[in-house]
Amino acid sequence: MSGIERPYIAGSQMWFSGKGKFGRDARIRGFGCGVVALLDFCVYEQALPAAGSREEYLDRIRQMERRALPIVPGFGIAPYLYPILVNLFFRRNRIPYRMRGMVGAGNREALEEMLKNDIPVIFAAGPTVPVLWRKKRLPLYPARGTVSAKSIKAHYMTLLGLEGEGEHTWMRVASWGEIYRIRLSDYRRFTRYTIPFTNRFYRMERVGGAEERAARGDRSN
């Protein structure tokens, strides 16, 4: 079993109101998972301070969506565009991380390397191909138990840990403010029905010299 070192506090786009079909809050509620995943990542890595209240958290998400990760109504943020926007956000805010390419679901070694370095892994489960497989969805299971709790598609989540081996490998993930599990084999099967290049784990790396990393470590103690 491998996973991040500390408890992960997950936010949710479902905390936003769905009122007003064309308003920012409704847009974030429907398609803001990528923005939520990025803010939660930055807070976990102590690159941004934690919000002091639910309303402060929502305001931060609104600001990130407006200034850095604009959501296209009805579509969200395309997985191939997401790392470009994330890296622009990192540079503008002097956050010492970079998204450097993608990791395939079969590259467990690369996923475990990030987790062992205490780096949560943002990933995308893409939209299904319209008409042909629009009803296909990826099942999510509760943190304990084997009865599916929810199902998703066209969604960003965060990988927090891996457990088991081979076909019995489970991913522990953060989504909608909760911790769920996904069978890695289910994820791989789901990719067969999605638009090409919309399923990916994003390789996240810390940047900066040894002195800078040591200084960040000192501040986090």
Foldseek 3Di string as FASTA:
>chain_A
DFFADDDQFAAALCVFDCPDVPDPSVQCSVAVQLLRVLVSQCCQLVVDPDDPDPVSVVVVSSVCCVPQQPQDRPQHGFQVCSQVSSQVVCVVSVPQKHFDDFDDLVPVVLVRVCRNVNGKKKWAAAQFDPPPPNPDWFFWAAPDDDDTDDTHHGHIWIFGDWDDDDQAIWTWIDHRRHIIIGRSVSSVVSVVGHDPPRTTITRMDGDDDPVVVVVSVVVVD
